PDB file of N, CA and C in Angstrom:
ATOM      1  N   MET A   1       0.798  -1.259   0.093  1.00  0.00           N
ATOM      2  CA  MET A   1      -0.036   0.162   0.009  1.00  0.00           C
ATOM      3  C   MET A   1       0.911   1.171   0.036  1.00  0.00           C
ATOM      4  N   SER A   2       0.426   2.110  -0.462  1.00  0.00           N
ATOM      5  CA  SER A   2       1.068   3.450  -0.764  1.00  0.00           C
ATOM      6  C   SER A   2       0.625   4.436   0.389  1.00  0.00           C
ATOM      7  N   ASP A   3       1.503   5.403   0.804  1.00  0.00           N
ATOM      8  CA  ASP A   3       1.123   6.353   1.736  1.00  0.00           C
ATOM      9  C   ASP A   3       0.205   7.438   1.193  1.00  0.00           C
ATOM     10  N   ASP A   4       0.175   7.370  -0.175  1.00  0.00           N
ATOM     11  CA  ASP A   4      -0.609   8.531  -0.890  1.00  0.00           C
ATOM     12  C   ASP A   4      -2.135   8.118  -0.756  1.00  0.00           C
ATOM     13  N   LEU A   5      -2.408   6.760  -0.493  1.00  0.00           N
ATOM     14  CA  LEU A   5      -3.918   6.398  -0.558  1.00  0.00           C
ATOM     15  C   LEU A   5      -4.470   6.693   0.971  1.00  0.00           C
ATOM     16  N   ILE A   6      -3.640   6.864   1.953  1.00  0.00           N
ATOM     17  CA  ILE A   6      -4.179   6.872   3.452  1.00  0.00           C
ATOM     18  C   ILE A   6      -4.535   8.315   3.545  1.00  0.00           C
ATOM     19  N   THR A   7      -5.764   8.707   3.981  1.00  0.00           N
ATOM     20  CA  THR A   7      -6.057  10.045   4.167  1.00  0.00           C
ATOM     21  C   THR A   7      -6.842  10.147   5.496  1.00  0.00           C
ATOM     22  N   SER A   8      -6.447  11.370   6.177  1.00  0.00           N
ATOM     23  CA  SER A   8      -6.887  11.678   7.416  1.00  0.00           C
ATOM     24  C   SER A   8      -7.964  12.765   7.658  1.00  0.00           C
ATOM     25  N   ASP A   9      -8.737  12.740   8.463  1.00  0.00           N
ATOM     26  CA  ASP A   9      -9.447  14.044   8.907  1.00  0.00           C
ATOM     27  C   ASP A   9      -8.698  15.062   9.649  1.00  0.00           C
ATOM     28  N   ARG A  10      -7.600  14.683  10.069  1.00  0.00           N
ATOM     29  CA  ARG A  10      -6.866  15.656  10.826  1.00  0.00           C
ATOM     30  C   ARG A  10      -6.000  16.529   9.989  1.00  0.00           C
ATOM     31  N   GLY A  11      -5.803  17.810  10.352  1.00  0.00           N
ATOM     32  CA  GLY A  11      -5.010  18.707   9.674  1.00  0.00           C
ATOM     33  C   GLY A  11      -3.660  18.551  10.071  1.00  0.00           C
ATOM     34  N   PRO A  12      -2.903  19.724   9.482  1.00  0.00           N
ATOM     35  CA  PRO A  12      -1.495  19.448   9.696  1.00  0.00           C
ATOM     36  C   PRO A  12      -0.981  19.481  11.340  1.00  0.00           C
ATOM     37  N   GLY A  13      -1.815  20.294  12.020  1.00  0.00           N
ATOM     38  CA  GLY A  13      -1.526  20.664  13.443  1.00  0.00           C
ATOM     39  C   GLY A  13      -2.216  19.542  14.313  1.00  0.00           C
ATOM     40  N   GLY A  14      -2.848  18.397  13.765  1.00  0.00           N
ATOM     41  CA  GLY A  14      -3.424  17.369  14.276  1.00  0.00           C
ATOM     42  C   GLY A  14      -4.956  17.808  14.628  1.00  0.00           C
ATOM     43  N   GLU A  15      -5.431  18.795  14.485  1.00  0.00           N
ATOM     44  CA  GLU A  15      -6.781  19.232  14.708  1.00  0.00           C
ATOM     45  C   GLU A  15      -7.798  18.402  13.869  1.00  0.00           C
ATOM     46  N   ASN A  16      -8.935  18.268  14.224  1.00  0.00           N
ATOM     47  CA  ASN A  16      -9.916  17.684  13.521  1.00  0.00           C
ATOM     48  C   ASN A  16     -10.514  18.720  12.756  1.00  0.00           C
ATOM     49  N   ASP A  17     -10.410  18.512  11.335  1.00  0.00           N
ATOM     50  CA  ASP A  17     -11.067  19.634  10.474  1.00  0.00           C
ATOM     51  C   ASP A  17     -12.584  19.239  10.185  1.00  0.00           C
ATOM     52  N   ALA A  18     -12.898  18.017  10.548  1.00  0.00           N
ATOM     53  CA  ALA A  18     -14.404  17.646  10.223  1.00  0.00           C
ATOM     54  C   ALA A  18     -15.337  18.663  11.277  1.00  0.00           C
ATOM     55  N   GLU A  19     -16.308  19.249  10.810  1.00  0.00           N
ATOM     56  CA  GLU A  19     -17.039  20.004  11.588  1.00  0.00           C
ATOM     57  C   GLU A  19     -18.059  19.088  12.448  1.00  0.00           C
ATOM     58  N   VAL A  20     -17.997  19.361  13.817  1.00  0.00           N
ATOM     59  CA  VAL A  20     -18.798  18.471  14.552  1.00  0.00           C
ATOM     60  C   VAL A  20     -19.804  19.442  15.280  1.00  0.00           C
ATOM     61  N   GLU A  21     -21.115  19.364  15.253  1.00  0.00           N
ATOM     62  CA  GLU A  21     -22.089  20.090  15.802  1.00  0.00           C
ATOM     63  C   GLU A  21     -22.424  19.597  17.061  1.00  0.00           C
ATOM     64  N   PRO A  22     -22.436  20.612  18.171  1.00  0.00           N
ATOM     65  CA  PRO A  22     -22.646  20.146  19.495  1.00  0.00           C
ATOM     66  C   PRO A  22     -24.108  19.676  19.594  1.00  0.00           C
ATOM     67  N   GLU A  23     -24.288  18.749  20.623  1.00  0.00           N
ATOM     68  CA  GLU A  23     -25.425  17.981  20.722  1.00  0.00           C
ATOM     69  C   GLU A  23     -26.557  18.837  21.432  1.00  0.00           C
ATOM     70  N   GLY A  24     -26.285  19.943  22.169  1.00  0.00           N
ATOM     71  CA  GLY A  24     -27.316  20.706  22.719  1.00  0.00           C
ATOM     72  C   GLY A  24     -27.796  20.216  23.790  1.00  0.00           C
ATOM     73  N   LEU A  25     -27.104  19.417  24.562  1.00  0.00           N
ATOM     74  CA  LEU A  25     -27.479  18.855  25.992  1.00  0.00           C
ATOM     75  C   LEU A  25     -26.565  19.657  26.901  1.00  0.00           C
ATOM     76  N   ASN A  26     -27.536  20.131  27.875  1.00  0.00           N
ATOM     77  CA  ASN A  26     -26.930  20.916  28.972  1.00  0.00           C
ATOM     78  C   ASN A  26     -27.213  20.084  30.510  1.00  0.00           C
ATOM     79  N   ALA A  27     -26.102  19.538  30.779  1.00  0.00           N
ATOM     80  CA  ALA A  27     -26.266  18.734  31.955  1.00  0.00           C
ATOM     81  C   ALA A  27     -26.819  19.399  33.195  1.00  0.00           C
ATOM     82  N   GLY A  28     -26.567  20.649  33.257  1.00  0.00           N
ATOM     83  CA  GLY A  28     -27.030  21.457  34.486  1.00  0.00           C
ATOM     84  C   GLY A  28     -28.523  21.457  34.415  1.00  0.00           C
ATOM     85  N   ALA A  29     -29.051  21.891  33.297  1.00  0.00           N
ATOM     86  CA  ALA A  29     -30.561  21.782  32.866  1.00  0.00           C
ATOM     87  C   ALA A  29     -31.146  20.410  33.098  1.00  0.00           C
ATOM     88  N   ILE A  30     -30.609  19.498  32.756  1.00  0.00           N
ATOM     89  CA  ILE A  30     -31.164  18.138  32.795  1.00  0.00           C
ATOM     90  C   ILE A  30     -31.179  17.804  34.280  1.00  0.00           C
ATOM     91  N   GLY A  31     -30.095  18.107  35.180  1.00  0.00           N
ATOM     92  CA  GLY A  31     -30.093  17.871  36.627  1.00  0.00           C
ATOM     93  C   GLY A  31     -31.253  18.577  37.300  1.00  0.00           C
ATOM     94  N   ILE A  32     -31.321  19.838  36.913  1.00  0.00           N
ATOM     95  CA  ILE A  32     -32.520  20.512  37.447  1.00  0.00           C
ATOM     96  C   ILE A  32     -33.987  20.004  37.153  1.00  0.00           C
ATOM     97  N   ILE A  33     -33.926  19.472  35.939  1.00  0.00           N
ATOM     98  CA  ILE A  33     -35.366  18.899  35.569  1.00  0.00           C
ATOM     99  C   ILE A  33     -35.393  17.612  36.598  1.00  0.00           C
ATOM    100  N   VAL A  34     -34.448  16.673  36.527  1.00  0.00           N
ATOM    101  CA  VAL A  34     -34.441  15.600  37.335  1.00  0.00           C
ATOM    102  C   VAL A  34     -34.824  15.939  38.778  1.00  0.00           C
ATOM    103  N   VAL A  35     -34.035  16.656  39.399  1.00  0.00           N
ATOM    104  CA  VAL A  35     -34.388  16.965  40.694  1.00  0.00           C
ATOM    105  C   VAL A  35     -35.720  17.662  40.931  1.00  0.00           C
ATOM    106  N   GLY A  36     -36.320  18.507  40.120  1.00  0.00           N
ATOM    107  CA  GLY A  36     -37.568  19.001  40.181  1.00  0.00           C
ATOM    108  C   GLY A  36     -38.572  17.975  40.082  1.00  0.00           C
ATOM    109  N   GLY A  37     -38.387  17.269  39.166  1.00  0.00           N
ATOM    110  CA  GLY A  37     -39.344  16.044  38.947  1.00  0.00           C
ATOM    111  C   GLY A  37     -39.599  15.057  40.322  1.00  0.00           C
ATOM    112  N   LEU A  38     -38.399  14.746  40.753  1.00  0.00           N
ATOM    113  CA  LEU A  38     -38.333  13.983  41.952  1.00  0.00           C
ATOM    114  C   LEU A  38     -38.996  14.630  43.182  1.00  0.00           C
ATOM    115  N   ALA A  39     -38.783  15.933  43.300  1.00  0.00           N
ATOM    116  CA  ALA A  39     -39.247  16.794  44.317  1.00  0.00           C
ATOM    117  C   ALA A  39     -40.907  16.740  44.073  1.00  0.00           C
ATOM    118  N   PHE A  40     -41.277  16.965  42.792  1.00  0.00           N
ATOM    119  CA  PHE A  40     -42.894  17.012  42.646  1.00  0.00           C
ATOM    120  C   PHE A  40     -43.291  15.741  42.814  1.00  0.00           C
ATOM    121  N   ILE A  41     -42.658  14.541  42.650  1.00  0.00           N
ATOM    122  CA  ILE A  41     -43.192  13.282  42.969  1.00  0.00           C
ATOM    123  C   ILE A  41     -43.395  13.157  44.330  1.00  0.00           C
ATOM    124  N   ILE A  42     -42.290  13.478  45.018  1.00  0.00           N
ATOM    125  CA  ILE A  42     -42.338  13.343  46.565  1.00  0.00           C
ATOM    126  C   ILE A  42     -43.518  14.045  47.237  1.00  0.00           C
ATOM    127  N   ALA A  43     -43.588  15.234  46.729  1.00  0.00           N
ATOM    128  CA  ALA A  43     -44.673  16.252  47.056  1.00  0.00           C
ATOM    129  C   ALA A  43     -46.044  15.561  46.813  1.00  0.00           C
ATOM    130  N   ALA A  44     -46.222  15.058  45.854  1.00  0.00           N
ATOM    131  CA  ALA A  44     -47.572  14.570  45.200  1.00  0.00           C
ATOM    132  C   ALA A  44     -47.796  13.345  46.105  1.00  0.00           C
ATOM    133  N   MET A  45     -46.601  12.550  46.558  1.00  0.00           N
ATOM    134  CA  MET A  45     -47.022  11.337  47.150  1.00  0.00           C
ATOM    135  C   MET A  45     -47.370  11.766  48.717  1.00  0.00           C
ATOM    136  N   PHE A  46     -46.716  12.784  49.240  1.00  0.00           N
ATOM    137  CA  PHE A  46     -47.094  13.355  50.599  1.00  0.00           C
ATOM    138  C   PHE A  46     -48.439  13.707  50.554  1.00  0.00           C
ATOM    139  N   VAL A  47     -49.002  14.566  49.628  1.00  0.00           N
ATOM    140  CA  VAL A  47     -50.263  15.103  49.349  1.00  0.00           C
ATOM    141  C   VAL A  47     -51.260  13.826  49.472  1.00  0.00           C
ATOM    142  N   VAL A  48     -51.008  12.927  48.579  1.00  0.00           N
ATOM    143  CA  VAL A  48     -51.682  11.674  48.514  1.00  0.00           C
ATOM    144  C   VAL A  48     -52.024  10.961  49.889  1.00  0.00           C
ATOM    145  N   VAL A  49     -50.772  10.826  50.567  1.00  0.00           N
ATOM    146  CA  VAL A  49     -50.859  10.134  51.783  1.00  0.00           C
ATOM    147  C   VAL A  49     -51.792  10.926  52.935  1.00  0.00           C
ATOM    148  N   GLU A  50     -51.415  12.161  53.059  1.00  0.00           N
ATOM    149  CA  GLU A  50     -52.250  13.002  53.791  1.00  0.00           C
ATOM    150  C   GLU A  50     -53.698  13.006  53.565  1.00  0.00           C
ATOM    151  N   ILE A  51     -54.154  13.067  52.356  1.00  0.00           N
ATOM    152  CA  ILE A  51     -55.667  13.066  52.024  1.00  0.00           C
ATOM    153  C   ILE A  51     -56.212  11.719  52.428  1.00  0.00           C
ATOM    154  N   THR A  52     -55.354  10.557  52.066  1.00  0.00           N
ATOM    155  CA  THR A  52     -55.848   9.224  52.400  1.00  0.00           C
ATOM    156  C   THR A  52     -56.145   9.055  53.934  1.00  0.00           C
ATOM    157  N   GLY A  53     -55.066   9.663  54.717  1.00  0.00           N
ATOM    158  CA  GLY A  53     -55.243   9.562  56.010  1.00  0.00           C
ATOM    159  C   GLY A  53     -56.485  10.355  56.600  1.00  0.00           C
ATOM    160  N   LEU A  54     -56.781  11.408  55.995  1.00  0.00           N
ATOM    161  CA  LEU A  54     -57.918  12.306  56.358  1.00  0.00           C
ATOM    162  C   LEU A  54     -59.182  11.541  56.141  1.00  0.00           C
ATOM    163  N   VAL A  55     -59.264  11.103  54.908  1.00  0.00           N
ATOM    164  CA  VAL A  55     -60.387  10.131  54.584  1.00  0.00           C
ATOM    165  C   VAL A  55     -60.518   9.011  55.459  1.00  0.00           C
ATOM    166  N   PHE A  56     -59.514   8.334  55.876  1.00  0.00           N
ATOM    167  CA  PHE A  56     -59.553   7.193  56.762  1.00  0.00           C
ATOM    168  C   PHE A  56     -60.036   7.648  57.959  1.00  0.00           C
ATOM    169  N   HIS A  57     -59.503   8.748  58.326  1.00  0.00           N
ATOM    170  CA  HIS A  57     -59.853   9.167  59.700  1.00  0.00           C
ATOM    171  C   HIS A  57     -61.367   9.622  59.817  1.00  0.00           C
ATOM    172  N   ASP A  58     -61.800  10.343  59.024  1.00  0.00           N
ATOM    173  CA  ASP A  58     -63.323  10.516  58.722  1.00  0.00           C
ATOM    174  C   ASP A  58     -64.085   9.161  58.679  1.00  0.00           C
ATOM    175  N   ALA A  59     -63.625   8.191  58.097  1.00  0.00           N
ATOM    176  CA  ALA A  59     -64.548   6.956  57.923  1.00  0.00           C
ATOM    177  C   ALA A  59     -64.564   6.386  59.362  1.00  0.00           C
ATOM    178  N   ILE A  60     -63.447   6.494  60.007  1.00  0.00           N
ATOM    179  CA  ILE A  60     -63.324   5.797  61.488  1.00  0.00           C
ATOM    180  C   ILE A  60     -64.310   6.623  62.338  1.00  0.00           C
ATOM    181  N   ILE A  61     -64.390   7.875  62.352  1.00  0.00           N
ATOM    182  CA  ILE A  61     -65.231   8.585  63.050  1.00  0.00           C
ATOM    183  C   ILE A  61     -66.677   8.316  62.825  1.00  0.00           C
ATOM    184  N   GLU A  62     -67.169   8.231  61.361  1.00  0.00           N
ATOM    185  CA  GLU A  62     -68.403   8.001  60.879  1.00  0.00           C
ATOM    186  C   GLU A  62     -68.702   6.579  61.480  1.00  0.00           C
ATOM    187  N   SER A  63     -67.824   5.686  61.279  1.00  0.00           N
ATOM    188  CA  SER A  63     -68.189   4.323  61.725  1.00  0.00           C
ATOM    189  C   SER A  63     -68.468   4.291  63.196  1.00  0.00           C
ATOM    190  N   THR A  64     -67.619   4.848  64.054  1.00  0.00           N
ATOM    191  CA  THR A  64     -68.026   4.892  65.413  1.00  0.00           C
ATOM    192  C   THR A  64     -69.062   5.722  65.828  1.00  0.00           C
ATOM    193  N   THR A  65     -69.508   6.748  65.044  1.00  0.00           N
ATOM    194  CA  THR A  65     -70.602   7.494  65.417  1.00  0.00           C
ATOM    195  C   THR A  65     -71.833   6.586  65.150  1.00  0.00           C
ATOM    196  N   ILE A  66     -71.800   5.896  64.010  1.00  0.00           N
ATOM    197  CA  ILE A  66     -73.008   4.979  63.771  1.00  0.00           C
ATOM    198  C   ILE A  66     -73.181   3.770  64.775  1.00  0.00           C
ATOM    199  N   THR A  67     -71.903   3.139  64.953  1.00  0.00           N
ATOM    200  CA  THR A  67     -72.049   1.904  65.780  1.00  0.00           C
ATOM    201  C   THR A  67     -72.182   2.343  67.370  1.00  0.00           C
ATOM    202  N   GLY A  68     -71.393   3.380  67.580  1.00  0.00           N
ATOM    203  CA  GLY A  68     -71.539   4.102  68.902  1.00  0.00           C
ATOM    204  C   GLY A  68     -70.776   3.250  69.870  1.00  0.00           C
ATOM    205  N   TYR A  69     -69.856   2.379  69.471  1.00  0.00           N
ATOM    206  CA  TYR A  69     -68.965   1.533  70.291  1.00  0.00           C
ATOM    207  C   TYR A  69     -69.582   1.046  71.498  1.00  0.00           C
ATOM    208  N   PRO A  70     -70.443   0.224  71.415  1.00  0.00           N
ATOM    209  CA  PRO A  70     -71.299  -0.231  72.498  1.00  0.00           C
ATOM    210  C   PRO A  70     -70.338  -0.699  73.911  1.00  0.00           C
ATOM    211  N   THR A  71     -69.211  -1.373  73.653  1.00  0.00           N
ATOM    212  CA  THR A  71     -68.320  -1.857  74.523  1.00  0.00           C
ATOM    213  C   THR A  71     -67.533  -0.406  75.197  1.00  0.00           C
ATOM    214  N   LEU A  72     -67.180   0.522  74.489  1.00  0.00           N
ATOM    215  CA  LEU A  72     -66.700   1.545  74.987  1.00  0.00           C
ATOM    216  C   LEU A  72     -67.697   2.353  75.771  1.00  0.00           C
ATOM    217  N   GLN A  73     -68.808   2.494  75.310  1.00  0.00           N
ATOM    218  CA  GLN A  73     -69.946   3.203  76.218  1.00  0.00           C
ATOM    219  C   GLN A  73     -70.149   2.474  77.504  1.00  0.00           C
ATOM    220  N   GLU A  74     -70.120   1.032  77.463  1.00  0.00           N
ATOM    221  CA  GLU A  74     -70.327   0.210  78.697  1.00  0.00           C
ATOM    222  C   GLU A  74     -69.145   0.569  79.635  1.00  0.00           C
ATOM    223  N   THR A  75     -67.857   0.675  79.076  1.00  0.00           N
ATOM    224  CA  THR A  75     -66.745   0.816  79.972  1.00  0.00           C
ATOM    225  C   THR A  75     -66.768   2.208  80.523  1.00  0.00           C
ATOM    226  N   ARG A  76     -67.243   3.134  79.719  1.00  0.00           N
ATOM    227  CA  ARG A  76     -67.065   4.411  80.357  1.00  0.00           C
ATOM    228  C   ARG A  76     -68.207   4.649  81.290  1.00  0.00           C
ATOM    229  N   ALA A  77     -69.335   4.035  81.122  1.00  0.00           N
ATOM    230  CA  ALA A  77     -70.446   4.279  82.058  1.00  0.00           C
ATOM    231  C   ALA A  77     -70.073   3.423  83.513  1.00  0.00           C
ATOM    232  N   ARG A  78     -69.475   2.214  83.395  1.00  0.00           N
ATOM    233  CA  ARG A  78     -68.884   1.533  84.532  1.00  0.00           C
ATOM    234  C   ARG A  78     -67.766   2.377  85.286  1.00  0.00           C
ATOM    235  N   ALA A  79     -66.922   3.001  84.556  1.00  0.00           N
ATOM    236  CA  ALA A  79     -65.950   3.757  85.102  1.00  0.00           C
ATOM    237  C   ALA A  79     -66.466   4.924  85.843  1.00  0.00           C
ATOM    238  N   ASP A  80     -67.518   5.543  85.369  1.00  0.00           N
ATOM    239  CA  ASP A  80     -68.149   6.631  86.037  1.00  0.00           C
ATOM    240  C   ASP A  80     -68.911   6.281  87.113  1.00  0.00           C
ATOM    241  N   GLU A  81     -69.483   4.928  87.394  1.00  0.00           N
ATOM    242  CA  GLU A  81     -70.075   4.408  88.388  1.00  0.00           C
ATOM    243  C   GLU A  81     -69.155   4.209  89.420  1.00  0.00           C
ATOM    244  N   ILE A  82     -68.159   3.690  89.106  1.00  0.00           N
ATOM    245  CA  ILE A  82     -66.959   3.297  89.972  1.00  0.00           C
ATOM    246  C   ILE A  82     -66.315   4.619  90.608  1.00  0.00           C
ATOM    247  N   LEU A  83     -66.109   5.854  89.836  1.00  0.00           N
ATOM    248  CA  LEU A  83     -65.320   6.763  90.226  1.00  0.00           C
ATOM    249  C   LEU A  83     -66.264   7.752  91.151  1.00  0.00           C
ATOM    250  N   SER A  84     -67.869   7.384  91.091  1.00  0.00           N
ATOM    251  CA  SER A  84     -68.595   8.303  91.682  1.00  0.00           C
ATOM    252  C   SER A  84     -69.605   7.750  92.797  1.00  0.00           C
ATOM    253  N   SER A  85     -69.177   6.482  93.384  1.00  0.00           N
ATOM    254  CA  SER A  85     -69.941   5.918  94.226  1.00  0.00           C
ATOM    255  C   SER A  85     -68.935   5.302  95.443  1.00  0.00           C
ATOM    256  N   TYR A  86     -69.773   5.067  96.482  1.00  0.00           N
ATOM    257  CA  TYR A  86     -69.183   4.396  97.689  1.00  0.00           C
ATOM    258  C   TYR A  86     -69.363   2.785  97.504  1.00  0.00           C
ATOM    259  N   ALA A  87     -68.685   2.116  98.170  1.00  0.00           N
ATOM    260  CA  ALA A  87     -68.793   0.759  98.150  1.00  0.00           C
ATOM    261  C   ALA A  87     -67.548  -0.020  98.963  1.00  0.00           C
ATOM    262  N   PRO A  88     -67.903  -1.093  99.440  1.00  0.00           N
ATOM    263  CA  PRO A  88     -67.032  -1.932 100.289  1.00  0.00           C
ATOM    264  C   PRO A  88     -65.959  -2.354  99.390  1.00  0.00           C
ATOM    265  N   ILE A  89     -64.584  -2.431  99.653  1.00  0.00           N
ATOM    266  CA  ILE A  89     -63.657  -3.228  99.036  1.00  0.00           C
ATOM    267  C   ILE A  89     -63.394  -4.369  99.936  1.00  0.00           C
ATOM    268  N   ASP A  90     -62.891  -4.148 101.298  1.00  0.00           N
ATOM    269  CA  ASP A  90     -62.700  -5.314 102.041  1.00  0.00           C
ATOM    270  C   ASP A  90     -63.354  -4.802 103.624  1.00  0.00           C
ATOM    271  N   ARG A  91     -64.430  -5.203 103.721  1.00  0.00           N
ATOM    272  CA  ARG A  91     -64.976  -5.017 105.022  1.00  0.00           C
ATOM    273  C   ARG A  91     -64.016  -5.317 106.345  1.00  0.00           C
ATOM    274  N   ASP A  92     -63.584  -6.501 106.214  1.00  0.00           N
ATOM    275  CA  ASP A  92     -62.909  -6.802 107.468  1.00  0.00           C
ATOM    276  C   ASP A  92     -61.719  -6.072 107.671  1.00  0.00           C
ATOM    277  N   ALA A  93     -61.064  -5.558 106.626  1.00  0.00           N
ATOM    278  CA  ALA A  93     -59.786  -4.606 106.628  1.00  0.00           C
ATOM    279  C   ALA A  93     -60.354  -3.243 106.773  1.00  0.00           C
ATOM    280  N   GLY A  94     -61.719  -2.888 106.687  1.00  0.00           N
ATOM    281  CA  GLY A  94     -61.956  -1.476 106.899  1.00  0.00           C
ATOM    282  C   GLY A  94     -61.700  -0.539 105.611  1.00  0.00           C
ATOM    283  N   ILE A  95     -61.666  -1.179 104.346  1.00  0.00           N
ATOM    284  CA  ILE A  95     -61.347  -0.642 103.198  1.00  0.00           C
ATOM    285  C   ILE A  95     -62.488  -0.106 102.234  1.00  0.00           C
ATOM    286  N   TYR A  96     -62.768   0.829 102.097  1.00  0.00           N
ATOM    287  CA  TYR A  96     -63.936   1.261 101.369  1.00  0.00           C
ATOM    288  C   TYR A  96     -63.686   2.184  99.976  1.00  0.00           C
ATOM    289  N   ARG A  97     -64.327   2.185  99.000  1.00  0.00           N
ATOM    290  CA  ARG A  97     -64.114   3.040  97.837  1.00  0.00           C
ATOM    291  C   ARG A  97     -65.212   3.969  98.139  1.00  0.00           C
ATOM    292  N   ILE A  98     -64.520   5.419  97.940  1.00  0.00           N
ATOM    293  CA  ILE A  98     -65.258   6.635  98.063  1.00  0.00           C
ATOM    294  C   ILE A  98     -65.193   7.308  96.571  1.00  0.00           C
ATOM    295  N   PRO A  99     -66.267   8.270  96.491  1.00  0.00           N
ATOM    296  CA  PRO A  99     -66.074   8.986  95.003  1.00  0.00           C
ATOM    297  C   PRO A  99     -64.968   9.711  94.931  1.00  0.00           C
ATOM    298  N   ILE A 100     -64.395   9.900  93.675  1.00  0.00           N
ATOM    299  CA  ILE A 100     -63.160  10.495  93.406  1.00  0.00           C
ATOM    300  C   ILE A 100     -62.973  11.999  93.835  1.00  0.00           C
ATOM    301  N   ASP A 101     -64.062  12.686  93.590  1.00  0.00           N
ATOM    302  CA  ASP A 101     -64.143  14.147  94.097  1.00  0.00           C
ATOM    303  C   ASP A 101     -64.139  14.204  95.640  1.00  0.00           C
ATOM    304  N   ARG A 102     -64.573  13.176  96.348  1.00  0.00           N
ATOM    305  CA  ARG A 102     -64.432  13.282  97.886  1.00  0.00           C
ATOM    306  C   ARG A 102     -62.920  12.903  98.226  1.00  0.00           C
ATOM    307  N   ALA A 103     -62.455  12.043  97.676  1.00  0.00           N
ATOM    308  CA  ALA A 103     -61.158  11.533  97.913  1.00  0.00           C
ATOM    309  C   ALA A 103     -60.185  12.706  97.588  1.00  0.00           C
ATOM    310  N   MET A 104     -60.424  13.399  96.600  1.00  0.00           N
ATOM    311  CA  MET A 104     -59.371  14.547  96.380  1.00  0.00           C
ATOM    312  C   MET A 104     -59.545  15.647  97.624  1.00  0.00           C
ATOM    313  N   GLU A 105     -60.706  15.809  97.778  1.00  0.00           N
ATOM    314  CA  GLU A 105     -61.193  16.878  98.867  1.00  0.00           C
ATOM    315  C   GLU A 105     -60.186  16.360 100.244  1.00  0.00           C
ATOM    316  N   LEU A 106     -60.329  15.013 100.491  1.00  0.00           N
ATOM    317  CA  LEU A 106     -59.842  14.448 101.717  1.00  0.00           C
ATOM    318  C   LEU A 106     -58.220  14.634 101.730  1.00  0.00           C
ATOM    319  N   VAL A 107     -57.724  14.242 100.556  1.00  0.00           N
ATOM    320  CA  VAL A 107     -56.259  14.591 100.333  1.00  0.00           C
ATOM    321  C   VAL A 107     -55.947  15.890 100.576  1.00  0.00           C
ATOM    322  N   VAL A 108     -56.560  16.975 100.066  1.00  0.00           N
ATOM    323  CA  VAL A 108     -56.155  18.260 100.156  1.00  0.00           C
ATOM    324  C   VAL A 108     -56.293  18.901 101.715  1.00  0.00           C
ATOM    325  N   GLU A 109     -57.369  18.171 102.410  1.00  0.00           N
ATOM    326  CA  GLU A 109     -57.539  18.454 103.781  1.00  0.00           C
ATOM    327  C   GLU A 109     -56.321  18.091 104.627  1.00  0.00           C
ATOM    328  N   GLU A 110     -55.959  16.767 104.424  1.00  0.00           N
ATOM    329  CA  GLU A 110     -54.981  16.085 105.016  1.00  0.00           C
ATOM    330  C   GLU A 110     -53.693  16.725 104.742  1.00  0.00           C
ATOM    331  N   ALA A 111     -53.198  17.454 103.527  1.00  0.00           N
ATOM    332  CA  ALA A 111     -52.170  17.831 103.267  1.00  0.00           C
ATOM    333  C   ALA A 111     -51.991  19.286 103.960  1.00  0.00           C
ATOM    334  N   GLN A 112     -53.164  20.169 104.117  1.00  0.00           N
ATOM    335  CA  GLN A 112     -53.355  21.101 104.731  1.00  0.00           C
ATOM    336  C   GLN A 112     -53.027  21.083 106.086  1.00  0.00           C
ATOM    337  N   ARG A 113     -53.407  19.949 106.786  1.00  0.00           N
ATOM    338  CA  ARG A 113     -53.378  19.705 108.364  1.00  0.00           C
ATOM    339  C   ARG A 113     -51.882  19.404 108.567  1.00  0.00           C
ATOM    340  N   GLN A 114     -51.307  18.910 107.631  1.00  0.00           N
ATOM    341  CA  GLN A 114     -49.877  18.553 107.882  1.00  0.00           C
ATOM    342  C   GLN A 114     -48.996  19.612 107.825  1.00  0.00           C
ATOM    343  N   GLN A 115     -49.514  20.525 106.980  1.00  0.00           N
ATOM    344  CA  GLN A 115     -48.556  21.655 106.950  1.00  0.00           C
ATOM    345  C   GLN A 115     -49.071  22.841 107.883  1.00  0.00           C
ATOM    346  N   GLY A 116     -49.942  22.518 108.613  1.00  0.00           N
ATOM    347  CA  GLY A 116     -50.449  23.493 109.631  1.00  0.00           C
ATOM    348  C   GLY A 116     -51.356  24.635 109.257  1.00  0.00           C
ATOM    349  N   GLY A 117     -51.744  24.588 108.074  1.00  0.00           N
ATOM    350  CA  GLY A 117     -52.516  25.631 107.477  1.00  0.00           C
ATOM    351  C   GLY A 117     -53.893  25.261 107.235  1.00  0.00           C
ATOM    352  N   GLY A 118     -54.362  24.227 107.873  1.00  0.00           N
ATOM    353  CA  GLY A 118     -55.717  23.688 107.677  1.00  0.00           C
ATOM    354  C   GLY A 118     -56.739  24.504 108.404  1.00  0.00           C
ATOM    355  N   ASN A 119     -57.956  24.775 107.859  1.00  0.00           N
ATOM    356  CA  ASN A 119     -59.065  25.452 108.300  1.00  0.00           C
ATOM    357  C   ASN A 119     -60.058  24.813 108.990  1.00  0.00           C
TER     358      ASN A 119
END
């Protein structure tokens, strides 16, 4: 082969004489678009979770309003009865249940007597 047949796109200084068009891709802009897209997706997911939670909460409230939670109502009624009534706990030991309001009054009176400022 002859050296005359070999051609090159490089010029005498080694530069590429072939014209190359830039691709027009800007890495910074692409990065901003990707980060913005991810932020939008995360925000949308947060909104959907919040809305779903509110709807679920409303459904729970509606269902408890309709059913009235009979066990809860019975438990609260029993607790109110216990907290507001007198009853023997252990008669032999002299232990009795008294209403909570009266018990708080007695505790305050006893504390005042111990401090010497009782009326």
